Amino acid sequence: MRIHGILALGALVGLSGLASGCSNTRDAFRPVLTDAPFVYDIGELRVIDADEFAAAAPLDIPDALHFGQLGASENPGIYGGATFQFRGTGRDVCVVVDPEAMFWNKEISTQAGSVQYNYEDVFTDDGDLDLSVGLTAYYTGSPGTEIGDFNAVYDDPSGVEHNLAFNECVQAGYQGVTPVNAGRGTVEYCDIDTSLREGILYTAVLETFALPIDDSKLAFGTMAFDGPCAELPWVDANGANQAGPAECVIPNEVGNADPNGLAEDKAWFPELEAALCTGKGKVNTFCKDNPDAGCQPLDE
């Protein structure tokens, strides 16, 4: 899906260049160097339980819930990202990452009586982090220096190489297709079975797939939750209670990661995020009252 999107974007840019009669360098889509780190290691995060998570404000639990920013590298051909470690609890651990900013899908349904989005998401403030998790002993990267993976090569006695994958973060897509990764501005999460590995160290890798086009700084929030992802409650776009992580499980990742940046040009983010987690009608009302705040009419 991503390959198709990239090809489609390239085709549109190419057609635009032909139509205008001038070459297009696509500089608008190239990330720029900022003060945000390209690679860094968060360290070990404490696995947070349901009671503490429900009772505490996000900034009150920095050893369990981390907010940070990632930026571009001088070498655009190298992937960056962040890593953190956590210890198995003897049960499922839900690892979650919420990248800047948020996403909702344009709808084309004309079903009578249904509430539709009257505004479209602005994609230029969205970034994309790909999540993988495995035993720290299998991690090939150097935390804080180089992003790696959980792949290894085994040579059998006859000299034949076999690729071994130790990534335990399995995310399902449409119709149960695995493995997949979510797109820009969308929460990624997975259950890690630690039933036989209590106290054993795991590494979570948040690999930078795309930085926001608007400022080349990708804010995010991440944590490890003591229990399956289905035990993390959230509210969907229709205002109904659902199970599993979504946009408001880790609130205000933009402001909590960079309060100064939020005050400068994204002060609207917490309110729009709250509207998205309450219902489509709330999004429509907010966007109507704040036309320059992260949304645009569908007919533009």
C-alpha atoms as a PDB file:
ATOM      1  CA  MET A   1       0.000   0.000   0.000  1.00  0.00           C
ATOM      2  CA  ARG A   2       2.797   2.403   0.825  1.00  0.00           C
ATOM      3  CA  ILE A   3       4.598   1.608  -2.415  1.00  0.00           C
ATOM      4  CA  HIS A   4       1.484   2.388  -4.378  1.00  0.00           C
ATOM      5  CA  GLY A   5       1.070   5.663  -2.483  1.00  0.00           C
ATOM      6  CA  ILE A   6       4.652   6.683  -3.197  1.00  0.00           C
ATOM      7  CA  LEU A   7       4.308   5.834  -6.858  1.00  0.00           C
ATOM      8  CA  ALA A   8       1.047   7.747  -7.068  1.00  0.00           C
ATOM      9  CA  LEU A   9       2.631  10.766  -5.423  1.00  0.00           C
ATOM     10  CA  GLY A  10       5.537  10.582  -7.847  1.00  0.00           C
ATOM     11  CA  ALA A  11       3.150  10.389 -10.772  1.00  0.00           C
ATOM     12  CA  LEU A  12       1.199  13.420  -9.591  1.00  0.00           C
ATOM     13  CA  VAL A  13       4.362  15.424  -9.061  1.00  0.00           C
ATOM     14  CA  GLY A  14       5.625  14.388 -12.485  1.00  0.00           C
ATOM     15  CA  LEU A  15       2.383  15.359 -14.184  1.00  0.00           C
ATOM     16  CA  SER A  16       2.415  18.687 -12.378  1.00  0.00           C
ATOM     17  CA  GLY A  17       5.905  19.361 -13.660  1.00  0.00           C
ATOM     18  CA  LEU A  18       4.908  18.508 -17.227  1.00  0.00           C
ATOM     19  CA  ALA A  19       1.828  20.681 -17.058  1.00  0.00           C
ATOM     20  CA  SER A  20       3.729  23.711 -15.810  1.00  0.00           C
ATOM     21  CA  GLY A  21       6.663  23.224 -18.163  1.00  0.00           C
ATOM     22  CA  CYS A  22       9.314  23.247 -15.423  1.00  0.00           C
ATOM     23  CA  SER A  23      11.254  20.626 -13.509  1.00  0.00           C
ATOM     24  CA  ASN A  24      10.201  19.744  -9.957  1.00  0.00           C
ATOM     25  CA  THR A  25      12.936  18.829  -7.476  1.00  0.00           C
ATOM     26  CA  ARG A  26      10.411  17.738  -4.838  1.00  0.00           C
ATOM     27  CA  ASP A  27      12.305  19.819  -2.276  1.00  0.00           C
ATOM     28  CA  ALA A  28       9.053  20.491  -0.440  1.00  0.00           C
ATOM     29  CA  PHE A  29       8.967  16.820   0.572  1.00  0.00           C
ATOM     30  CA  ARG A  30      12.617  16.552   1.656  1.00  0.00           C
ATOM     31  CA  PRO A  31      13.160  16.691   5.446  1.00  0.00           C
ATOM     32  CA  VAL A  32      15.443  19.407   6.787  1.00  0.00           C
ATOM     33  CA  LEU A  33      17.904  19.182   9.658  1.00  0.00           C
ATOM     34  CA  THR A  34      16.551  20.398  13.003  1.00  0.00           C
ATOM     35  CA  ASP A  35      17.535  20.207  16.664  1.00  0.00           C
ATOM     36  CA  ALA A  36      15.522  16.980  17.075  1.00  0.00           C
ATOM     37  CA  PRO A  37      17.771  13.886  17.356  1.00  0.00           C
ATOM     38  CA  PHE A  38      17.945  11.439  14.470  1.00  0.00           C
ATOM     39  CA  VAL A  39      18.496   8.391  16.713  1.00  0.00           C
ATOM     40  CA  TYR A  40      18.256   8.092  20.477  1.00  0.00           C
ATOM     41  CA  ASP A  41      17.677   5.532  23.199  1.00  0.00           C
ATOM     42  CA  ILE A  42      14.985   6.207  25.787  1.00  0.00           C
ATOM     43  CA  GLY A  43      16.349   3.663  28.259  1.00  0.00           C
ATOM     44  CA  GLU A  44      14.304   1.193  30.268  1.00  0.00           C
ATOM     45  CA  LEU A  45      10.631   2.026  30.768  1.00  0.00           C
ATOM     46  CA  ARG A  46       8.662   0.541  33.614  1.00  0.00           C
ATOM     47  CA  VAL A  47       5.674  -1.509  32.487  1.00  0.00           C
ATOM     48  CA  ILE A  48       2.644   0.388  33.782  1.00  0.00           C
ATOM     49  CA  ASP A  49      -0.425  -1.359  35.166  1.00  0.00           C
ATOM     50  CA  ALA A  50      -4.041  -0.486  34.447  1.00  0.00           C
ATOM     51  CA  ASP A  51      -4.836   1.165  37.789  1.00  0.00           C
ATOM     52  CA  GLU A  52      -1.894   3.568  37.693  1.00  0.00           C
ATOM     53  CA  PHE A  53      -2.424   4.359  34.038  1.00  0.00           C
ATOM     54  CA  ALA A  54      -6.073   5.233  34.643  1.00  0.00           C
ATOM     55  CA  ALA A  55      -5.343   7.406  37.687  1.00  0.00           C
ATOM     56  CA  ALA A  56      -2.219   9.340  36.662  1.00  0.00           C
ATOM     57  CA  ALA A  57      -1.664  12.268  34.325  1.00  0.00           C
ATOM     58  CA  PRO A  58       0.771  11.360  31.513  1.00  0.00           C
ATOM     59  CA  LEU A  59       3.540  13.696  32.645  1.00  0.00           C
ATOM     60  CA  ASP A  60       3.365  12.268  36.170  1.00  0.00           C
ATOM     61  CA  ILE A  61       4.772   8.900  35.063  1.00  0.00           C
ATOM     62  CA  PRO A  62       7.922   9.696  33.006  1.00  0.00           C
ATOM     63  CA  ASP A  63       9.539   6.366  33.886  1.00  0.00           C
ATOM     64  CA  ALA A  64       6.662   4.522  32.208  1.00  0.00           C
ATOM     65  CA  LEU A  65       5.222   6.889  29.580  1.00  0.00           C
ATOM     66  CA  HIS A  66       7.733   8.682  27.358  1.00  0.00           C
ATOM     67  CA  PHE A  67       7.228  11.660  25.050  1.00  0.00           C
ATOM     68  CA  GLY A  68       9.934  12.603  22.577  1.00  0.00           C
ATOM     69  CA  GLN A  69      10.853  13.952  19.161  1.00  0.00           C
ATOM     70  CA  LEU A  70      12.775  12.561  16.203  1.00  0.00           C
ATOM     71  CA  GLY A  71      14.361  14.452  13.324  1.00  0.00           C
ATOM     72  CA  ALA A  72      16.240  13.981  10.071  1.00  0.00           C
ATOM     73  CA  SER A  73      19.749  12.678   9.474  1.00  0.00           C
ATOM     74  CA  GLU A  74      22.471  14.276   7.376  1.00  0.00           C
ATOM     75  CA  ASN A  75      22.351  11.043   5.379  1.00  0.00           C
ATOM     76  CA  PRO A  76      18.781  10.681   4.024  1.00  0.00           C
ATOM     77  CA  GLY A  77      19.459   7.071   3.066  1.00  0.00           C
ATOM     78  CA  ILE A  78      19.646   5.870   6.682  1.00  0.00           C
ATOM     79  CA  TYR A  79      16.591   5.160   8.801  1.00  0.00           C
ATOM     80  CA  GLY A  80      16.485   6.682  12.264  1.00  0.00           C
ATOM     81  CA  GLY A  81      14.267   6.157  15.256  1.00  0.00           C
ATOM     82  CA  ALA A  82      14.133   5.538  18.984  1.00  0.00           C
ATOM     83  CA  THR A  83      14.461   2.463  21.177  1.00  0.00           C
ATOM     84  CA  PHE A  84      13.487   1.559  24.707  1.00  0.00           C
ATOM     85  CA  GLN A  85      13.688  -1.509  26.905  1.00  0.00           C
ATOM     86  CA  PHE A  86      11.172  -3.130  29.228  1.00  0.00           C
ATOM     87  CA  ARG A  87      11.045  -6.333  31.269  1.00  0.00           C
ATOM     88  CA  GLY A  88       8.610  -9.185  30.859  1.00  0.00           C
ATOM     89  CA  THR A  89       5.890  -9.353  33.498  1.00  0.00           C
ATOM     90  CA  GLY A  90       4.872 -12.975  33.059  1.00  0.00           C
ATOM     91  CA  ARG A  91       1.764 -12.051  31.070  1.00  0.00           C
ATOM     92  CA  ASP A  92       0.930 -10.146  27.884  1.00  0.00           C
ATOM     93  CA  VAL A  93       2.523  -6.698  27.580  1.00  0.00           C
ATOM     94  CA  CYS A  94       0.961  -4.195  25.172  1.00  0.00           C
ATOM     95  CA  VAL A  95       3.538  -1.944  23.504  1.00  0.00           C
ATOM     96  CA  VAL A  96       2.081   1.272  22.026  1.00  0.00           C
ATOM     97  CA  VAL A  97       3.488   4.169  20.010  1.00  0.00           C
ATOM     98  CA  ASP A  98       1.422   7.212  19.008  1.00  0.00           C
ATOM     99  CA  PRO A  99       3.135   9.359  16.326  1.00  0.00           C
ATOM    100  CA  GLU A 100       2.306  12.958  15.467  1.00  0.00           C
ATOM    101  CA  ALA A 101      -0.341  13.891  14.748  1.00  0.00           C
ATOM    102  CA  MET A 102      -3.674  12.185  13.945  1.00  0.00           C
ATOM    103  CA  PHE A 103      -5.535  10.753  10.986  1.00  0.00           C
ATOM    104  CA  TRP A 104      -9.105  10.313   9.908  1.00  0.00           C
ATOM    105  CA  ASN A 105     -10.286   8.918   6.624  1.00  0.00           C
ATOM    106  CA  LYS A 106     -12.287  10.806   4.031  1.00  0.00           C
ATOM    107  CA  GLU A 107     -15.629   9.093   3.485  1.00  0.00           C
ATOM    108  CA  ILE A 108     -17.642   8.763   0.290  1.00  0.00           C
ATOM    109  CA  SER A 109     -20.703   7.044   1.707  1.00  0.00           C
ATOM    110  CA  THR A 110     -24.057   8.706   1.039  1.00  0.00           C
ATOM    111  CA  GLN A 111     -25.991   6.544   3.470  1.00  0.00           C
ATOM    112  CA  ALA A 112     -28.978   8.501   4.746  1.00  0.00           C
ATOM    113  CA  GLY A 113     -28.830   9.527   8.372  1.00  0.00           C
ATOM    114  CA  SER A 114     -25.132   8.707   8.871  1.00  0.00           C
ATOM    115  CA  VAL A 115     -22.729  11.320  10.173  1.00  0.00           C
ATOM    116  CA  GLN A 116     -19.894  12.036   7.751  1.00  0.00           C
ATOM    117  CA  TYR A 117     -16.709  14.028   8.131  1.00  0.00           C
ATOM    118  CA  ASN A 118     -17.299  17.456   6.618  1.00  0.00           C
ATOM    119  CA  TYR A 119     -13.581  18.212   6.786  1.00  0.00           C
ATOM    120  CA  GLU A 120     -10.502  16.391   5.586  1.00  0.00           C
ATOM    121  CA  ASP A 121      -7.388  15.676   7.615  1.00  0.00           C
ATOM    122  CA  VAL A 122      -4.346  17.831   6.859  1.00  0.00           C
ATOM    123  CA  PHE A 123      -1.529  15.362   6.202  1.00  0.00           C
ATOM    124  CA  THR A 124       1.456  17.740   6.338  1.00  0.00           C
ATOM    125  CA  ASP A 125       1.706  17.520  10.143  1.00  0.00           C
ATOM    126  CA  ASP A 126       1.640  13.712  10.188  1.00  0.00           C
ATOM    127  CA  GLY A 127       4.597  11.412  10.788  1.00  0.00           C
ATOM    128  CA  ASP A 128       4.995   7.640  10.711  1.00  0.00           C
ATOM    129  CA  LEU A 129       6.808   5.315  13.115  1.00  0.00           C
ATOM    130  CA  ASP A 130       7.033   1.548  12.527  1.00  0.00           C
ATOM    131  CA  LEU A 131       7.001  -0.594  15.672  1.00  0.00           C
ATOM    132  CA  SER A 132       8.914  -3.829  16.249  1.00  0.00           C
ATOM    133  CA  VAL A 133       9.640  -5.649  19.527  1.00  0.00           C
ATOM    134  CA  GLY A 134      11.843  -8.570  20.462  1.00  0.00           C
ATOM    135  CA  LEU A 135      14.201  -9.926  23.069  1.00  0.00           C
ATOM    136  CA  THR A 136      17.098  -7.538  23.642  1.00  0.00           C
ATOM    137  CA  ALA A 137      19.487 -10.454  23.102  1.00  0.00           C
ATOM    138  CA  TYR A 138      18.329 -10.673  19.467  1.00  0.00           C
ATOM    139  CA  TYR A 139      18.494  -6.937  18.653  1.00  0.00           C
ATOM    140  CA  THR A 140      21.057  -6.104  15.948  1.00  0.00           C
ATOM    141  CA  GLY A 141      21.200  -2.314  16.431  1.00  0.00           C
ATOM    142  CA  SER A 142      23.239  -0.113  18.750  1.00  0.00           C
ATOM    143  CA  PRO A 143      20.848   1.832  21.045  1.00  0.00           C
ATOM    144  CA  GLY A 144      21.379   5.553  20.678  1.00  0.00           C
ATOM    145  CA  THR A 145      23.664   5.112  17.660  1.00  0.00           C
ATOM    146  CA  GLU A 146      22.118   2.899  15.009  1.00  0.00           C
ATOM    147  CA  ILE A 147      18.665   1.413  14.423  1.00  0.00           C
ATOM    148  CA  GLY A 148      18.620  -2.337  13.851  1.00  0.00           C
ATOM    149  CA  ASP A 149      16.119  -5.193  13.709  1.00  0.00           C
ATOM    150  CA  PHE A 150      15.508  -8.674  15.070  1.00  0.00           C
ATOM    151  CA  ASN A 151      16.614 -10.665  12.034  1.00  0.00           C
ATOM    152  CA  ALA A 152      19.404 -13.236  12.001  1.00  0.00           C
ATOM    153  CA  VAL A 153      20.953 -15.658   9.518  1.00  0.00           C
ATOM    154  CA  TYR A 154      21.560 -19.304  10.423  1.00  0.00           C
ATOM    155  CA  ASP A 155      23.912 -21.556   8.443  1.00  0.00           C
ATOM    156  CA  ASP A 156      22.828 -25.179   8.646  1.00  0.00           C
ATOM    157  CA  PRO A 157      25.377 -28.057   8.553  1.00  0.00           C
ATOM    158  CA  SER A 158      25.127 -28.229   4.756  1.00  0.00           C
ATOM    159  CA  GLY A 159      26.039 -24.559   4.400  1.00  0.00           C
ATOM    160  CA  VAL A 160      22.566 -23.313   3.479  1.00  0.00           C
ATOM    161  CA  GLU A 161      21.591 -19.931   4.915  1.00  0.00           C
ATOM    162  CA  HIS A 162      18.218 -19.504   6.641  1.00  0.00           C
ATOM    163  CA  ASN A 163      16.732 -16.151   7.590  1.00  0.00           C
ATOM    164  CA  LEU A 164      15.333 -16.109  11.123  1.00  0.00           C
ATOM    165  CA  ALA A 165      12.915 -13.407  12.294  1.00  0.00           C
ATOM    166  CA  PHE A 166      12.696 -12.729  16.027  1.00  0.00           C
ATOM    167  CA  ASN A 167      10.344  -9.747  15.871  1.00  0.00           C
ATOM    168  CA  GLU A 168       7.428 -10.603  18.179  1.00  0.00           C
ATOM    169  CA  CYS A 169       5.333  -7.527  17.358  1.00  0.00           C
ATOM    170  CA  VAL A 170       2.712  -8.933  14.979  1.00  0.00           C
ATOM    171  CA  GLN A 171       0.174  -6.377  13.739  1.00  0.00           C
ATOM    172  CA  ALA A 172      -2.768  -7.474  11.622  1.00  0.00           C
ATOM    173  CA  GLY A 173      -4.266  -5.526   8.741  1.00  0.00           C
ATOM    174  CA  TYR A 174      -7.484  -5.851   6.766  1.00  0.00           C
ATOM    175  CA  GLN A 175      -8.854  -9.400   6.635  1.00  0.00           C
ATOM    176  CA  GLY A 176      -6.199 -10.531   9.102  1.00  0.00           C
ATOM    177  CA  VAL A 177      -3.222  -9.955   6.788  1.00  0.00           C
ATOM    178  CA  THR A 178       0.108  -9.994   8.684  1.00  0.00           C
ATOM    179  CA  PRO A 179       2.557  -8.483   9.174  1.00  0.00           C
ATOM    180  CA  VAL A 180       1.596  -4.859   8.516  1.00  0.00           C
ATOM    181  CA  ASN A 181       2.401  -1.371   9.779  1.00  0.00           C
ATOM    182  CA  ALA A 182      -0.012   1.525  10.135  1.00  0.00           C
ATOM    183  CA  GLY A 183       0.410   4.735   8.146  1.00  0.00           C
ATOM    184  CA  ARG A 184       0.996   8.388   8.975  1.00  0.00           C
ATOM    185  CA  GLY A 185      -0.377   9.782  12.222  1.00  0.00           C
ATOM    186  CA  THR A 186      -1.782   6.391  13.253  1.00  0.00           C
ATOM    187  CA  VAL A 187      -1.189   4.495  16.501  1.00  0.00           C
ATOM    188  CA  GLU A 188       0.724   1.207  16.281  1.00  0.00           C
ATOM    189  CA  TYR A 189       0.488  -1.457  18.982  1.00  0.00           C
ATOM    190  CA  CYS A 190       0.977  -5.170  19.597  1.00  0.00           C
ATOM    191  CA  ASP A 191       0.749  -7.779  22.349  1.00  0.00           C
ATOM    192  CA  ILE A 192       3.988  -9.411  23.488  1.00  0.00           C
ATOM    193  CA  ASP A 193       3.602 -12.747  25.304  1.00  0.00           C
ATOM    194  CA  THR A 194       6.064 -12.710  28.213  1.00  0.00           C
ATOM    195  CA  SER A 195       4.503 -15.627  30.115  1.00  0.00           C
ATOM    196  CA  LEU A 196       7.766 -17.612  30.226  1.00  0.00           C
ATOM    197  CA  ARG A 197      10.074 -14.579  30.391  1.00  0.00           C
ATOM    198  CA  GLU A 198       9.265 -12.668  33.544  1.00  0.00           C
ATOM    199  CA  GLY A 199      12.081 -10.225  34.283  1.00  0.00           C
ATOM    200  CA  ILE A 200      13.732 -10.791  30.886  1.00  0.00           C
ATOM    201  CA  LEU A 201      14.689  -7.654  28.952  1.00  0.00           C
ATOM    202  CA  TYR A 202      12.929  -6.733  25.699  1.00  0.00           C
ATOM    203  CA  THR A 203      13.710  -3.951  23.218  1.00  0.00           C
ATOM    204  CA  ALA A 204      11.062  -1.922  21.391  1.00  0.00           C
ATOM    205  CA  VAL A 205      12.134  -0.211  18.161  1.00  0.00           C
ATOM    206  CA  LEU A 206      10.287   2.872  16.866  1.00  0.00           C
ATOM    207  CA  GLU A 207      11.735   3.211  13.366  1.00  0.00           C
ATOM    208  CA  THR A 208      11.178   6.490  11.544  1.00  0.00           C
ATOM    209  CA  PHE A 209       9.363   5.797   8.276  1.00  0.00           C
ATOM    210  CA  ALA A 210       8.342   9.393   7.531  1.00  0.00           C
ATOM    211  CA  LEU A 211       8.768  12.793   9.185  1.00  0.00           C
ATOM    212  CA  PRO A 212       6.062  15.489   9.090  1.00  0.00           C
ATOM    213  CA  ILE A 213       6.419  17.619   5.979  1.00  0.00           C
ATOM    214  CA  ASP A 214       5.639  20.868   7.808  1.00  0.00           C
ATOM    215  CA  ASP A 215       8.630  20.972  10.198  1.00  0.00           C
ATOM    216  CA  SER A 216      10.632  17.703   9.884  1.00  0.00           C
ATOM    217  CA  LYS A 217      10.085  17.062  13.614  1.00  0.00           C
ATOM    218  CA  LEU A 218       8.167  13.950  14.615  1.00  0.00           C
ATOM    219  CA  ALA A 219       6.654  14.076  18.110  1.00  0.00           C
ATOM    220  CA  PHE A 220       5.511  10.809  19.663  1.00  0.00           C
ATOM    221  CA  GLY A 221       4.405   9.107  22.853  1.00  0.00           C
ATOM    222  CA  THR A 222       5.162   5.497  23.757  1.00  0.00           C
ATOM    223  CA  MET A 223       4.709   3.037  26.615  1.00  0.00           C
ATOM    224  CA  ALA A 224       4.530  -0.619  27.653  1.00  0.00           C
ATOM    225  CA  PHE A 225       1.271  -1.618  29.366  1.00  0.00           C
ATOM    226  CA  ASP A 226       0.927  -4.595  31.728  1.00  0.00           C
ATOM    227  CA  GLY A 227      -1.829  -6.519  29.992  1.00  0.00           C
ATOM    228  CA  PRO A 228      -3.211  -7.208  26.521  1.00  0.00           C
ATOM    229  CA  CYS A 229      -3.974  -4.284  24.244  1.00  0.00           C
ATOM    230  CA  ALA A 230      -7.689  -5.092  24.411  1.00  0.00           C
ATOM    231  CA  GLU A 231      -7.664  -3.923  28.051  1.00  0.00           C
ATOM    232  CA  LEU A 232      -6.750  -0.365  27.028  1.00  0.00           C
ATOM    233  CA  PRO A 233     -10.099   1.435  26.554  1.00  0.00           C
ATOM    234  CA  TRP A 234     -10.712   4.172  24.036  1.00  0.00           C
ATOM    235  CA  VAL A 235     -13.583   5.883  22.252  1.00  0.00           C
ATOM    236  CA  ASP A 236     -14.026   5.535  18.496  1.00  0.00           C
ATOM    237  CA  ALA A 237     -15.113   8.179  15.976  1.00  0.00           C
ATOM    238  CA  ASN A 238     -18.781   7.363  16.596  1.00  0.00           C
ATOM    239  CA  GLY A 239     -18.481   8.047  20.315  1.00  0.00           C
ATOM    240  CA  ALA A 240     -18.714   4.354  21.256  1.00  0.00           C
ATOM    241  CA  ASN A 241     -16.471   2.640  23.784  1.00  0.00           C
ATOM    242  CA  GLN A 242     -14.105   0.207  22.126  1.00  0.00           C
ATOM    243  CA  ALA A 243     -11.169  -1.933  23.229  1.00  0.00           C
ATOM    244  CA  GLY A 244      -7.580  -1.461  22.124  1.00  0.00           C
ATOM    245  CA  PRO A 245      -5.262   1.506  21.660  1.00  0.00           C
ATOM    246  CA  ALA A 246      -6.192   4.453  19.470  1.00  0.00           C
ATOM    247  CA  GLU A 247      -5.443   8.164  19.215  1.00  0.00           C
ATOM    248  CA  CYS A 248      -6.425   9.207  22.746  1.00  0.00           C
ATOM    249  CA  VAL A 249      -4.798   6.358  24.679  1.00  0.00           C
ATOM    250  CA  ILE A 250      -1.613   8.454  24.803  1.00  0.00           C
ATOM    251  CA  PRO A 251      -2.975  12.016  24.874  1.00  0.00           C
ATOM    252  CA  ASN A 252      -1.448  15.165  23.382  1.00  0.00           C
ATOM    253  CA  GLU A 253       1.796  13.636  22.127  1.00  0.00           C
ATOM    254  CA  VAL A 254       2.583  16.870  20.272  1.00  0.00           C
ATOM    255  CA  GLY A 255       2.282  19.191  23.271  1.00  0.00           C
ATOM    256  CA  ASN A 256       3.812  16.786  25.777  1.00  0.00           C
ATOM    257  CA  ALA A 257       6.830  16.196  23.528  1.00  0.00           C
ATOM    258  CA  ASP A 258       7.408  19.876  22.710  1.00  0.00           C
ATOM    259  CA  PRO A 259       5.358  22.453  24.657  1.00  0.00           C
ATOM    260  CA  ASN A 260       7.178  25.311  22.890  1.00  0.00           C
ATOM    261  CA  GLY A 261       6.359  23.977  19.443  1.00  0.00           C
ATOM    262  CA  LEU A 262       2.734  23.512  20.437  1.00  0.00           C
ATOM    263  CA  ALA A 263       2.477  27.086  21.641  1.00  0.00           C
ATOM    264  CA  GLU A 264       3.970  28.376  18.389  1.00  0.00           C
ATOM    265  CA  ASP A 265       1.750  26.850  15.754  1.00  0.00           C
ATOM    266  CA  LYS A 266      -0.172  23.804  17.034  1.00  0.00           C
ATOM    267  CA  ALA A 267      -2.026  25.100  20.050  1.00  0.00           C
ATOM    268  CA  TRP A 268      -5.182  23.640  18.535  1.00  0.00           C
ATOM    269  CA  PHE A 269      -3.901  20.053  18.683  1.00  0.00           C
ATOM    270  CA  PRO A 270      -5.285  18.885  22.082  1.00  0.00           C
ATOM    271  CA  GLU A 271      -8.778  20.140  21.288  1.00  0.00           C
ATOM    272  CA  LEU A 272      -8.885  18.583  17.829  1.00  0.00           C
ATOM    273  CA  GLU A 273      -7.538  15.307  19.227  1.00  0.00           C
ATOM    274  CA  ALA A 274     -10.241  15.283  21.893  1.00  0.00           C
ATOM    275  CA  ALA A 275     -12.885  15.979  19.231  1.00  0.00           C
ATOM    276  CA  LEU A 276     -11.604  13.108  17.086  1.00  0.00           C
ATOM    277  CA  CYS A 277     -11.903  10.749  20.036  1.00  0.00           C
ATOM    278  CA  THR A 278     -15.448  11.870  20.798  1.00  0.00           C
ATOM    279  CA  GLY A 279     -17.217  11.673  17.449  1.00  0.00           C
ATOM    280  CA  LYS A 280     -17.382  12.821  13.836  1.00  0.00           C
ATOM    281  CA  GLY A 281     -19.849  15.557  14.721  1.00  0.00           C
ATOM    282  CA  LYS A 282     -17.390  16.998  17.231  1.00  0.00           C
ATOM    283  CA  VAL A 283     -14.693  17.089  14.551  1.00  0.00           C
ATOM    284  CA  ASN A 284     -17.034  18.898  12.173  1.00  0.00           C
ATOM    285  CA  THR A 285     -17.947  21.459  14.827  1.00  0.00           C
ATOM    286  CA  PHE A 286     -14.339  22.086  15.818  1.00  0.00           C
ATOM    287  CA  CYS A 287     -13.159  22.449  12.224  1.00  0.00           C
ATOM    288  CA  LYS A 288     -16.018  24.820  11.426  1.00  0.00           C
ATOM    289  CA  ASP A 289     -15.038  27.043  14.360  1.00  0.00           C
ATOM    290  CA  ASN A 290     -11.284  26.701  13.683  1.00  0.00           C
ATOM    291  CA  PRO A 291     -10.827  26.515   9.896  1.00  0.00           C
ATOM    292  CA  ASP A 292      -7.009  26.716  10.042  1.00  0.00           C
ATOM    293  CA  ALA A 293      -6.533  24.108  12.760  1.00  0.00           C
ATOM    294  CA  GLY A 294      -5.451  20.851  11.160  1.00  0.00           C
ATOM    295  CA  CYS A 295      -8.445  20.272   8.898  1.00  0.00           C
ATOM    296  CA  GLN A 296      -9.853  21.485   5.596  1.00  0.00           C
ATOM    297  CA  PRO A 297     -13.234  21.206   3.825  1.00  0.00           C
ATOM    298  CA  LEU A 298     -13.697  18.091   1.700  1.00  0.00           C
ATOM    299  CA  ASP A 299     -14.416  20.104  -1.442  1.00  0.00           C
ATOM    300  CA  GLU A 300     -10.999  21.804  -1.468  1.00  0.00           C
END
